């Protein structure tokens, strides 16, 4: 009987730990670096993209008795940055949905997918067609708590970004990038 007590305590800790991840609005700061994917011969060489972001994660749905998904959140974020080689600034707002998977100890996986709207300022040359750009964001990552009792987490994720003018200009020069992101959430 005494042999099973540590296993029961451990299972109870995981339940408490999983609940402590739930129903909490968090905010965070992140930095992203990416490399353009050239899809056609007519596109220019690969410029780098560097973005900073401020995000708020607001849980709004917790599925009952789901073994894999812990909750679903909306994660509005403001982004600002630059395309490094052509020196074009990017300022935008994105509204992805975030699916949090069940945590395992101090780690929890997540997936983001959502649209955005951006203003691209042209300095040296035009890399995209027009200042108004729509974006699509998709990424998969992991959050890690700094300690068992802390709500502060580090976040590491990888994914893609697609920028396009949505057909508002005759020449729709899109921009696709593979991104890596590091963030801290409070």
N, C-alpha and C. Protein backbone atom coordinates (compact mmCIF):
# COMPACT_ATOMS: atom_id res chain seq x y z
N UNK A 1 0.81 -1.20 0.00
CA UNK A 1 0.00 0.00 0.00
C UNK A 1 0.85 1.25 0.00
N UNK A 2 1.93 1.28 0.77
CA UNK A 2 2.80 2.44 0.83
C UNK A 2 3.53 2.68 -0.48
N UNK A 3 3.70 1.63 -1.27
CA UNK A 3 4.39 1.76 -2.55
C UNK A 3 3.61 2.66 -3.50
N UNK A 4 2.28 2.65 -3.44
CA UNK A 4 1.46 3.41 -4.37
C UNK A 4 1.27 4.87 -3.95
N UNK A 5 1.57 5.21 -2.71
CA UNK A 5 1.35 6.58 -2.25
C UNK A 5 2.15 7.62 -3.03
N UNK A 6 3.45 7.42 -3.33
CA UNK A 6 4.16 8.42 -4.13
C UNK A 6 3.56 8.59 -5.52
N UNK A 7 3.09 7.50 -6.13
CA UNK A 7 2.48 7.60 -7.46
C UNK A 7 1.19 8.40 -7.40
N UNK A 8 0.40 8.21 -6.34
CA UNK A 8 -0.85 8.97 -6.18
C UNK A 8 -0.52 10.44 -5.96
N UNK A 9 0.46 10.74 -5.12
CA UNK A 9 0.85 12.13 -4.87
C UNK A 9 1.34 12.78 -6.16
N UNK A 10 2.11 12.03 -6.93
CA UNK A 10 2.63 12.55 -8.20
C UNK A 10 1.49 12.84 -9.18
N UNK A 11 0.50 11.96 -9.25
CA UNK A 11 -0.64 12.18 -10.13
C UNK A 11 -1.43 13.39 -9.69
N UNK A 12 -1.60 13.58 -8.37
CA UNK A 12 -2.31 14.75 -7.86
C UNK A 12 -1.55 16.02 -8.17
N UNK A 13 -0.21 15.99 -8.08
CA UNK A 13 0.60 17.16 -8.42
C UNK A 13 0.39 17.55 -9.87
N UNK A 14 0.35 16.55 -10.77
CA UNK A 14 0.15 16.85 -12.19
C UNK A 14 -1.22 17.48 -12.43
N UNK A 15 -2.26 17.03 -11.72
CA UNK A 15 -3.59 17.63 -11.87
C UNK A 15 -3.55 19.07 -11.41
N UNK A 16 -2.95 19.32 -10.23
CA UNK A 16 -2.85 20.68 -9.72
C UNK A 16 -2.01 21.53 -10.67
N UNK A 17 -0.91 20.95 -11.16
CA UNK A 17 -0.04 21.66 -12.08
C UNK A 17 -0.76 22.01 -13.37
N UNK A 18 -1.55 21.07 -13.90
CA UNK A 18 -2.31 21.32 -15.13
C UNK A 18 -3.34 22.41 -14.91
N UNK A 19 -4.01 22.40 -13.75
CA UNK A 19 -5.01 23.42 -13.46
C UNK A 19 -4.37 24.79 -13.29
N UNK A 20 -3.14 24.85 -12.77
CA UNK A 20 -2.50 26.15 -12.58
C UNK A 20 -2.13 26.80 -13.90
N UNK A 21 -2.04 26.03 -14.99
CA UNK A 21 -1.78 26.60 -16.31
C UNK A 21 -3.05 27.21 -16.90
N UNK A 22 -4.21 26.79 -16.41
CA UNK A 22 -5.50 27.17 -16.98
C UNK A 22 -5.98 28.54 -16.53
N UNK A 23 -6.87 29.11 -17.32
CA UNK A 23 -7.68 30.27 -16.95
C UNK A 23 -6.88 31.46 -16.45
N UNK A 24 -5.73 31.69 -17.03
CA UNK A 24 -4.93 32.82 -16.63
C UNK A 24 -4.54 33.61 -17.86
N UNK A 25 -4.83 34.90 -17.83
CA UNK A 25 -4.41 35.78 -18.92
C UNK A 25 -2.94 36.10 -18.71
N UNK A 26 -2.13 35.89 -19.74
CA UNK A 26 -0.71 36.19 -19.67
C UNK A 26 -0.35 37.19 -20.75
N UNK A 27 0.77 37.84 -20.58
CA UNK A 27 1.30 38.74 -21.60
C UNK A 27 2.78 38.44 -21.74
N UNK A 28 3.33 38.80 -22.88
CA UNK A 28 4.73 38.49 -23.09
C UNK A 28 5.36 39.32 -24.19
N UNK A 29 6.68 39.23 -24.24
CA UNK A 29 7.48 39.91 -25.24
C UNK A 29 8.27 38.86 -26.00
N UNK A 30 8.35 39.02 -27.30
CA UNK A 30 9.07 38.03 -28.10
C UNK A 30 9.91 38.67 -29.19
N UNK A 31 10.89 37.91 -29.66
CA UNK A 31 11.73 38.31 -30.78
C UNK A 31 11.71 37.16 -31.79
N UNK A 32 11.57 37.52 -33.06
CA UNK A 32 11.53 36.53 -34.13
C UNK A 32 12.57 36.85 -35.18
N UNK A 33 13.15 35.78 -35.70
CA UNK A 33 14.08 35.91 -36.82
C UNK A 33 13.61 34.95 -37.90
N UNK A 34 13.67 35.38 -39.13
CA UNK A 34 13.23 34.50 -40.21
C UNK A 34 14.00 34.70 -41.49
N UNK A 35 13.84 33.75 -42.38
CA UNK A 35 14.50 33.74 -43.69
C UNK A 35 13.43 33.53 -44.74
N UNK A 36 13.47 34.34 -45.78
CA UNK A 36 12.49 34.25 -46.85
C UNK A 36 12.64 32.95 -47.63
N UNK A 37 11.49 32.41 -48.01
CA UNK A 37 11.46 31.22 -48.88
C UNK A 37 11.18 31.73 -50.29
N UNK A 38 12.05 31.46 -51.22
CA UNK A 38 11.85 31.88 -52.61
C UNK A 38 11.06 30.80 -53.32
N UNK A 39 9.85 31.16 -53.78
CA UNK A 39 8.97 30.19 -54.42
C UNK A 39 9.00 30.27 -55.94
N UNK A 40 9.37 31.42 -56.49
CA UNK A 40 9.42 31.55 -57.95
C UNK A 40 10.76 32.15 -58.36
N UNK A 41 11.10 32.01 -59.62
CA UNK A 41 12.35 32.53 -60.15
C UNK A 41 12.39 34.06 -60.15
N UNK A 42 11.22 34.70 -60.24
CA UNK A 42 11.17 36.16 -60.35
C UNK A 42 11.41 36.87 -59.01
N UNK A 43 11.36 36.15 -57.90
CA UNK A 43 11.56 36.80 -56.61
C UNK A 43 13.04 37.07 -56.36
N UNK A 44 13.29 38.10 -55.59
CA UNK A 44 14.65 38.52 -55.27
C UNK A 44 15.31 37.55 -54.30
N UNK A 45 16.62 37.72 -54.08
CA UNK A 45 17.32 36.87 -53.11
C UNK A 45 16.69 36.97 -51.72
N UNK A 46 17.06 36.03 -50.88
CA UNK A 46 16.44 35.89 -49.56
C UNK A 46 16.85 36.98 -48.59
N UNK A 47 15.98 37.95 -48.29
CA UNK A 47 16.30 38.87 -47.20
C UNK A 47 15.91 38.25 -45.86
N UNK A 48 16.56 38.68 -44.82
CA UNK A 48 16.20 38.24 -43.48
C UNK A 48 15.10 39.15 -42.96
N UNK A 49 14.31 38.62 -42.02
CA UNK A 49 13.27 39.41 -41.36
C UNK A 49 13.48 39.29 -39.87
N UNK A 50 13.37 40.42 -39.18
CA UNK A 50 13.55 40.46 -37.73
C UNK A 50 12.36 41.20 -37.15
N UNK A 51 11.64 40.57 -36.20
CA UNK A 51 10.44 41.15 -35.61
C UNK A 51 10.50 41.09 -34.09
N UNK A 52 9.96 42.11 -33.47
CA UNK A 52 9.69 42.11 -32.04
C UNK A 52 8.18 42.07 -31.88
N UNK A 53 7.71 41.56 -30.76
CA UNK A 53 6.26 41.50 -30.58
C UNK A 53 5.88 41.60 -29.11
N UNK A 54 4.68 42.10 -28.89
CA UNK A 54 4.04 42.10 -27.58
C UNK A 54 2.75 41.33 -27.75
N UNK A 55 2.50 40.33 -26.90
CA UNK A 55 1.30 39.52 -27.05
C UNK A 55 0.58 39.35 -25.72
N UNK A 56 -0.71 39.14 -25.82
CA UNK A 56 -1.56 38.81 -24.67
C UNK A 56 -2.24 37.49 -25.01
N UNK A 57 -2.20 36.53 -24.10
CA UNK A 57 -2.84 35.23 -24.33
C UNK A 57 -4.06 35.15 -23.40
N UNK A 58 -5.25 35.06 -24.01
CA UNK A 58 -6.50 35.07 -23.26
C UNK A 58 -7.23 33.74 -23.46
N UNK A 59 -7.18 32.83 -22.48
CA UNK A 59 -7.91 31.56 -22.61
C UNK A 59 -9.42 31.81 -22.63
N UNK A 60 -10.13 31.16 -23.57
CA UNK A 60 -11.58 31.35 -23.62
C UNK A 60 -12.36 30.05 -23.68
N UNK A 61 -11.70 28.91 -23.91
CA UNK A 61 -12.44 27.65 -23.97
C UNK A 61 -11.57 26.53 -23.43
N UNK A 62 -12.12 25.77 -22.50
CA UNK A 62 -11.47 24.58 -21.97
C UNK A 62 -12.35 23.39 -22.30
N UNK A 63 -11.90 22.52 -23.22
CA UNK A 63 -12.74 21.37 -23.57
C UNK A 63 -12.90 20.42 -22.39
N UNK A 64 -14.11 19.91 -22.17
CA UNK A 64 -14.32 18.98 -21.04
C UNK A 64 -13.69 17.62 -21.32
N UNK A 65 -12.93 17.15 -20.37
CA UNK A 65 -12.36 15.79 -20.40
C UNK A 65 -11.62 15.46 -21.69
N UNK A 66 -10.83 16.39 -22.19
CA UNK A 66 -10.03 16.14 -23.39
C UNK A 66 -8.63 15.71 -22.95
N UNK A 67 -8.14 14.61 -23.52
CA UNK A 67 -6.84 14.07 -23.12
C UNK A 67 -5.67 14.84 -23.71
N UNK A 68 -5.87 15.57 -24.80
CA UNK A 68 -4.75 16.20 -25.49
C UNK A 68 -4.75 17.72 -25.39
N UNK A 69 -5.92 18.34 -25.53
CA UNK A 69 -6.00 19.80 -25.55
C UNK A 69 -6.39 20.30 -24.16
N UNK A 70 -5.59 21.22 -23.63
CA UNK A 70 -5.89 21.79 -22.32
C UNK A 70 -6.86 22.96 -22.46
N UNK A 71 -6.55 23.91 -23.35
CA UNK A 71 -7.46 25.02 -23.59
C UNK A 71 -7.16 25.68 -24.93
N UNK A 72 -8.07 26.53 -25.35
CA UNK A 72 -7.91 27.30 -26.58
C UNK A 72 -7.96 28.77 -26.18
N UNK A 73 -7.03 29.54 -26.72
CA UNK A 73 -6.90 30.95 -26.37
C UNK A 73 -6.89 31.80 -27.62
N UNK A 74 -7.22 33.06 -27.46
CA UNK A 74 -6.98 34.04 -28.50
C UNK A 74 -5.72 34.79 -28.05
N UNK A 75 -4.85 35.09 -29.00
CA UNK A 75 -3.54 35.64 -28.65
C UNK A 75 -3.22 36.87 -29.50
N UNK A 76 -3.91 38.01 -29.26
CA UNK A 76 -3.60 39.20 -30.05
C UNK A 76 -2.16 39.65 -29.81
N UNK A 77 -1.50 40.09 -30.89
CA UNK A 77 -0.13 40.55 -30.74
C UNK A 77 0.17 41.70 -31.70
N UNK A 78 0.93 42.64 -31.19
CA UNK A 78 1.43 43.75 -32.00
C UNK A 78 2.85 43.40 -32.41
N UNK A 79 3.17 43.57 -33.69
CA UNK A 79 4.50 43.26 -34.18
C UNK A 79 5.15 44.50 -34.78
N UNK A 80 6.45 44.54 -34.71
CA UNK A 80 7.22 45.63 -35.30
C UNK A 80 8.57 45.06 -35.67
N UNK A 81 9.11 45.50 -36.79
CA UNK A 81 10.40 44.97 -37.19
C UNK A 81 10.84 45.48 -38.53
N UNK A 82 11.72 44.72 -39.15
CA UNK A 82 12.31 45.14 -40.42
C UNK A 82 12.71 43.95 -41.27
N UNK A 83 12.68 44.16 -42.57
CA UNK A 83 13.36 43.26 -43.49
C UNK A 83 14.79 43.77 -43.53
N UNK A 84 15.76 42.96 -43.17
CA UNK A 84 17.11 43.45 -42.93
C UNK A 84 17.82 43.91 -44.20
N UNK A 85 17.80 43.12 -45.27
CA UNK A 85 18.57 43.52 -46.44
C UNK A 85 17.93 44.64 -47.26
N UNK A 86 16.61 44.66 -47.51
CA UNK A 86 16.08 45.82 -48.23
C UNK A 86 15.67 46.97 -47.32
N UNK A 87 15.78 46.81 -46.00
CA UNK A 87 15.47 47.87 -45.03
C UNK A 87 14.06 48.40 -45.16
N UNK A 88 13.09 47.52 -45.11
CA UNK A 88 11.68 47.90 -45.09
C UNK A 88 11.14 47.64 -43.69
N UNK A 89 10.46 48.61 -43.11
CA UNK A 89 9.90 48.43 -41.77
C UNK A 89 8.54 47.75 -41.85
N UNK A 90 8.22 47.00 -40.80
CA UNK A 90 6.94 46.29 -40.72
C UNK A 90 6.34 46.61 -39.35
N UNK A 91 5.10 47.08 -39.34
CA UNK A 91 4.35 47.30 -38.12
C UNK A 91 2.99 46.65 -38.34
N UNK A 92 2.55 45.81 -37.41
CA UNK A 92 1.29 45.12 -37.65
C UNK A 92 0.57 44.65 -36.41
N UNK A 93 -0.59 44.07 -36.64
CA UNK A 93 -1.42 43.48 -35.59
C UNK A 93 -1.89 42.12 -36.08
N UNK A 94 -1.73 41.10 -35.26
CA UNK A 94 -2.14 39.74 -35.62
C UNK A 94 -3.06 39.19 -34.54
N UNK A 95 -3.94 38.30 -34.95
CA UNK A 95 -4.94 37.74 -34.03
C UNK A 95 -5.01 36.22 -34.19
N UNK A 96 -3.95 35.50 -33.79
CA UNK A 96 -3.99 34.04 -33.92
C UNK A 96 -4.76 33.38 -32.78
N UNK A 97 -5.27 32.20 -33.08
CA UNK A 97 -5.80 31.31 -32.04
C UNK A 97 -4.65 30.45 -31.56
N UNK A 98 -4.62 30.16 -30.27
CA UNK A 98 -3.57 29.32 -29.70
C UNK A 98 -4.22 28.11 -29.05
N UNK A 99 -3.76 26.93 -29.44
CA UNK A 99 -4.19 25.68 -28.81
C UNK A 99 -3.08 25.26 -27.85
N UNK A 100 -3.41 25.17 -26.57
CA UNK A 100 -2.47 24.67 -25.57
C UNK A 100 -2.74 23.19 -25.37
N UNK A 101 -1.70 22.39 -25.48
CA UNK A 101 -1.83 20.97 -25.23
C UNK A 101 -1.57 20.71 -23.74
N UNK A 102 -1.99 19.55 -23.26
CA UNK A 102 -1.85 19.22 -21.84
C UNK A 102 -0.39 19.34 -21.42
N UNK A 103 -0.14 19.97 -20.24
CA UNK A 103 1.25 20.12 -19.79
C UNK A 103 1.81 18.82 -19.24
N UNK A 104 3.12 18.74 -19.29
CA UNK A 104 3.84 17.63 -18.68
C UNK A 104 4.89 18.26 -17.77
N UNK A 105 4.59 18.32 -16.48
CA UNK A 105 5.50 18.97 -15.55
C UNK A 105 5.57 20.46 -15.83
N UNK A 106 6.78 20.96 -16.11
CA UNK A 106 6.97 22.38 -16.37
C UNK A 106 6.89 22.73 -17.85
N UNK A 107 6.61 21.77 -18.72
CA UNK A 107 6.56 22.00 -20.17
C UNK A 107 5.14 21.89 -20.70
N UNK A 108 4.85 22.69 -21.72
CA UNK A 108 3.55 22.61 -22.37
C UNK A 108 3.73 23.02 -23.84
N UNK A 109 3.22 22.19 -24.75
CA UNK A 109 3.29 22.50 -26.18
C UNK A 109 2.09 23.34 -26.60
N UNK A 110 2.25 24.08 -27.69
CA UNK A 110 1.16 24.91 -28.21
C UNK A 110 1.29 25.04 -29.72
N UNK A 111 0.19 25.45 -30.34
CA UNK A 111 0.17 25.73 -31.78
C UNK A 111 -0.63 27.02 -31.99
N UNK A 112 -0.13 27.90 -32.86
CA UNK A 112 -0.78 29.17 -33.20
C UNK A 112 -1.13 29.18 -34.68
N UNK A 113 -2.28 29.76 -35.01
CA UNK A 113 -2.66 29.97 -36.41
C UNK A 113 -3.61 31.16 -36.46
N UNK A 114 -3.30 32.13 -37.33
CA UNK A 114 -4.20 33.27 -37.42
C UNK A 114 -3.78 34.33 -38.40
N UNK A 115 -4.70 35.26 -38.69
CA UNK A 115 -4.46 36.33 -39.66
C UNK A 115 -3.89 37.59 -39.00
N UNK A 116 -3.46 38.51 -39.85
CA UNK A 116 -2.97 39.79 -39.38
C UNK A 116 -3.06 40.85 -40.46
N UNK A 117 -2.83 42.08 -40.07
CA UNK A 117 -2.79 43.20 -41.00
C UNK A 117 -1.54 44.02 -40.66
N UNK A 118 -0.81 44.46 -41.70
CA UNK A 118 0.49 45.09 -41.49
C UNK A 118 0.67 46.29 -42.40
N UNK A 119 1.52 47.21 -41.95
CA UNK A 119 1.94 48.34 -42.76
C UNK A 119 3.44 48.15 -43.02
N UNK A 120 3.81 48.09 -44.29
CA UNK A 120 5.21 47.91 -44.66
C UNK A 120 5.69 49.23 -45.25
N UNK A 121 6.65 49.85 -44.56
CA UNK A 121 7.21 51.13 -45.04
C UNK A 121 8.39 50.87 -45.96
N UNK A 122 8.39 51.49 -47.11
CA UNK A 122 9.45 51.27 -48.10
C UNK A 122 10.54 52.32 -47.93
N UNK A 123 11.77 51.87 -47.76
CA UNK A 123 12.90 52.80 -47.62
C UNK A 123 13.79 52.76 -48.87
N UNK A 124 14.43 51.62 -49.12
CA UNK A 124 15.39 51.55 -50.21
C UNK A 124 14.77 51.06 -51.51
N UNK A 125 14.07 49.94 -51.45
CA UNK A 125 13.45 49.37 -52.65
C UNK A 125 12.19 48.63 -52.24
N UNK A 126 11.35 48.38 -53.18
CA UNK A 126 10.07 47.72 -52.89
C UNK A 126 10.26 46.21 -52.94
N UNK A 127 10.09 45.54 -51.79
CA UNK A 127 10.20 44.08 -51.71
C UNK A 127 8.83 43.43 -51.81
N UNK A 128 7.80 44.14 -51.36
CA UNK A 128 6.42 43.66 -51.45
C UNK A 128 5.62 44.73 -52.17
N UNK A 129 4.47 44.37 -52.71
CA UNK A 129 3.69 45.31 -53.52
C UNK A 129 2.68 46.07 -52.66
N UNK A 130 3.06 47.22 -52.21
CA UNK A 130 2.14 48.06 -51.46
C UNK A 130 2.42 48.09 -49.97
N UNK A 131 1.98 49.16 -49.34
CA UNK A 131 2.20 49.32 -47.90
C UNK A 131 1.28 48.43 -47.08
N UNK A 132 0.03 48.26 -47.49
CA UNK A 132 -0.93 47.43 -46.77
C UNK A 132 -0.69 45.96 -47.11
N UNK A 133 -0.36 45.18 -46.09
CA UNK A 133 -0.10 43.76 -46.29
C UNK A 133 -0.92 42.95 -45.29
N UNK A 134 -1.52 41.89 -45.77
CA UNK A 134 -2.22 40.94 -44.90
C UNK A 134 -1.25 39.81 -44.60
N UNK A 135 -1.38 39.21 -43.44
CA UNK A 135 -0.44 38.15 -43.08
C UNK A 135 -1.19 36.93 -42.55
N UNK A 136 -0.52 35.81 -42.64
CA UNK A 136 -0.99 34.57 -42.05
C UNK A 136 0.17 34.01 -41.25
N UNK A 137 -0.09 33.68 -40.00
CA UNK A 137 0.92 33.20 -39.08
C UNK A 137 0.59 31.78 -38.68
N UNK A 138 1.57 30.91 -38.68
CA UNK A 138 1.42 29.55 -38.18
C UNK A 138 2.69 29.13 -37.47
N UNK A 139 2.56 28.60 -36.26
CA UNK A 139 3.77 28.15 -35.56
C UNK A 139 3.42 27.07 -34.54
N UNK A 140 4.45 26.32 -34.14
CA UNK A 140 4.33 25.26 -33.15
C UNK A 140 5.49 25.45 -32.18
N UNK A 141 5.22 25.34 -30.89
CA UNK A 141 6.29 25.57 -29.94
C UNK A 141 6.07 24.94 -28.59
N UNK A 142 6.95 25.29 -27.68
CA UNK A 142 6.92 24.77 -26.31
C UNK A 142 7.09 25.94 -25.35
N UNK A 143 6.32 25.89 -24.26
CA UNK A 143 6.49 26.81 -23.14
C UNK A 143 7.12 26.03 -21.99
N UNK A 144 8.00 26.68 -21.27
CA UNK A 144 8.62 26.04 -20.10
C UNK A 144 8.57 27.02 -18.94
N UNK A 145 7.99 26.57 -17.84
CA UNK A 145 7.95 27.39 -16.63
C UNK A 145 9.35 27.50 -16.06
N UNK A 146 9.66 28.67 -15.50
CA UNK A 146 10.97 28.86 -14.89
C UNK A 146 11.10 28.06 -13.60
N UNK A 147 9.99 27.87 -12.88
CA UNK A 147 9.97 26.99 -11.71
C UNK A 147 8.55 26.47 -11.56
N UNK A 148 8.37 25.48 -10.69
CA UNK A 148 7.04 24.87 -10.50
C UNK A 148 6.01 25.88 -10.01
N UNK A 149 6.44 26.82 -9.17
CA UNK A 149 5.50 27.76 -8.58
C UNK A 149 5.37 29.06 -9.37
N UNK A 150 6.24 29.28 -10.32
CA UNK A 150 6.24 30.53 -11.08
C UNK A 150 5.25 30.47 -12.24
N UNK A 151 4.63 31.59 -12.55
CA UNK A 151 3.77 31.65 -13.74
C UNK A 151 4.56 32.17 -14.93
N UNK A 152 5.79 32.59 -14.73
CA UNK A 152 6.64 33.09 -15.80
C UNK A 152 7.14 31.92 -16.65
N UNK A 153 7.05 32.07 -17.97
CA UNK A 153 7.47 30.99 -18.87
C UNK A 153 8.37 31.53 -19.98
N UNK A 154 9.24 30.66 -20.46
CA UNK A 154 10.00 30.89 -21.70
C UNK A 154 9.26 30.16 -22.80
N UNK A 155 9.29 30.72 -23.97
CA UNK A 155 8.58 30.13 -25.10
C UNK A 155 9.55 30.06 -26.29
N UNK A 156 9.63 28.91 -26.90
CA UNK A 156 10.44 28.72 -28.10
C UNK A 156 9.54 28.10 -29.16
N UNK A 157 9.49 28.72 -30.33
CA UNK A 157 8.61 28.19 -31.38
C UNK A 157 9.22 28.41 -32.75
N UNK A 158 8.73 27.65 -33.68
CA UNK A 158 9.12 27.78 -35.08
C UNK A 158 7.88 27.72 -35.94
N UNK A 159 7.93 28.38 -37.09
CA UNK A 159 6.76 28.37 -37.95
C UNK A 159 6.97 29.16 -39.22
N UNK A 160 5.88 29.68 -39.74
CA UNK A 160 5.94 30.43 -41.00
C UNK A 160 5.12 31.70 -40.89
N UNK A 161 5.44 32.64 -41.78
CA UNK A 161 4.66 33.86 -41.98
C UNK A 161 4.50 34.06 -43.47
N UNK A 162 3.30 34.47 -43.85
CA UNK A 162 3.01 34.78 -45.25
C UNK A 162 2.46 36.20 -45.29
N UNK A 163 3.09 37.05 -46.08
CA UNK A 163 2.61 38.42 -46.29
C UNK A 163 2.15 38.56 -47.73
N UNK A 164 1.00 39.20 -47.93
CA UNK A 164 0.46 39.43 -49.27
C UNK A 164 -0.43 40.66 -49.24
N UNK A 165 -0.55 41.34 -50.37
CA UNK A 165 -1.44 42.51 -50.40
C UNK A 165 -2.89 42.11 -50.66
N UNK A 166 -3.15 40.83 -50.81
CA UNK A 166 -4.51 40.33 -50.97
C UNK A 166 -5.17 40.75 -52.27
N UNK A 167 -4.36 41.03 -53.29
CA UNK A 167 -4.91 41.42 -54.59
C UNK A 167 -5.31 42.88 -54.68
N UNK A 168 -4.85 43.72 -53.75
CA UNK A 168 -5.18 45.14 -53.82
C UNK A 168 -4.32 45.89 -54.83
N UNK A 169 -3.23 45.29 -55.30
CA UNK A 169 -2.37 45.87 -56.33
C UNK A 169 -2.32 44.93 -57.52
N UNK A 170 -2.01 45.48 -58.66
CA UNK A 170 -1.92 44.66 -59.87
C UNK A 170 -0.81 43.62 -59.74
N UNK A 171 0.34 44.04 -59.21
CA UNK A 171 1.45 43.12 -59.00
C UNK A 171 1.43 42.66 -57.54
N UNK A 172 0.98 41.46 -57.28
CA UNK A 172 0.87 40.94 -55.91
C UNK A 172 2.16 40.20 -55.57
N UNK A 173 3.14 40.93 -55.07
CA UNK A 173 4.43 40.34 -54.69
C UNK A 173 4.31 39.87 -53.24
N UNK A 174 4.17 38.57 -53.02
CA UNK A 174 4.02 38.07 -51.66
C UNK A 174 5.39 37.81 -51.03
N UNK A 175 5.37 37.48 -49.77
CA UNK A 175 6.59 37.26 -49.01
C UNK A 175 6.32 36.13 -48.04
N UNK A 176 7.06 35.04 -48.13
CA UNK A 176 6.91 33.87 -47.26
C UNK A 176 8.21 33.68 -46.50
N UNK A 177 8.12 33.41 -45.20
CA UNK A 177 9.32 33.25 -44.39
C UNK A 177 9.15 32.13 -43.37
N UNK A 178 10.24 31.43 -43.14
CA UNK A 178 10.35 30.46 -42.05
C UNK A 178 10.91 31.23 -40.86
N UNK A 179 10.24 31.11 -39.69
CA UNK A 179 10.59 31.93 -38.53
C UNK A 179 10.94 31.07 -37.32
N UNK A 180 11.76 31.61 -36.45
CA UNK A 180 12.03 31.04 -35.14
C UNK A 180 11.79 32.15 -34.12
N UNK A 181 11.14 31.83 -32.99
CA UNK A 181 10.72 32.85 -32.03
C UNK A 181 11.13 32.45 -30.61
N UNK A 182 11.62 33.42 -29.87
CA UNK A 182 11.92 33.26 -28.46
C UNK A 182 11.16 34.34 -27.70
N UNK A 183 10.44 33.96 -26.64
CA UNK A 183 9.62 34.92 -25.91
C UNK A 183 9.64 34.60 -24.42
N UNK A 184 9.29 35.60 -23.63
CA UNK A 184 9.09 35.41 -22.19
C UNK A 184 7.69 35.91 -21.88
N UNK A 185 6.95 35.12 -21.10
CA UNK A 185 5.57 35.44 -20.75
C UNK A 185 5.44 35.59 -19.24
N UNK A 186 4.57 36.51 -18.84
CA UNK A 186 4.33 36.79 -17.42
C UNK A 186 2.89 36.50 -17.06
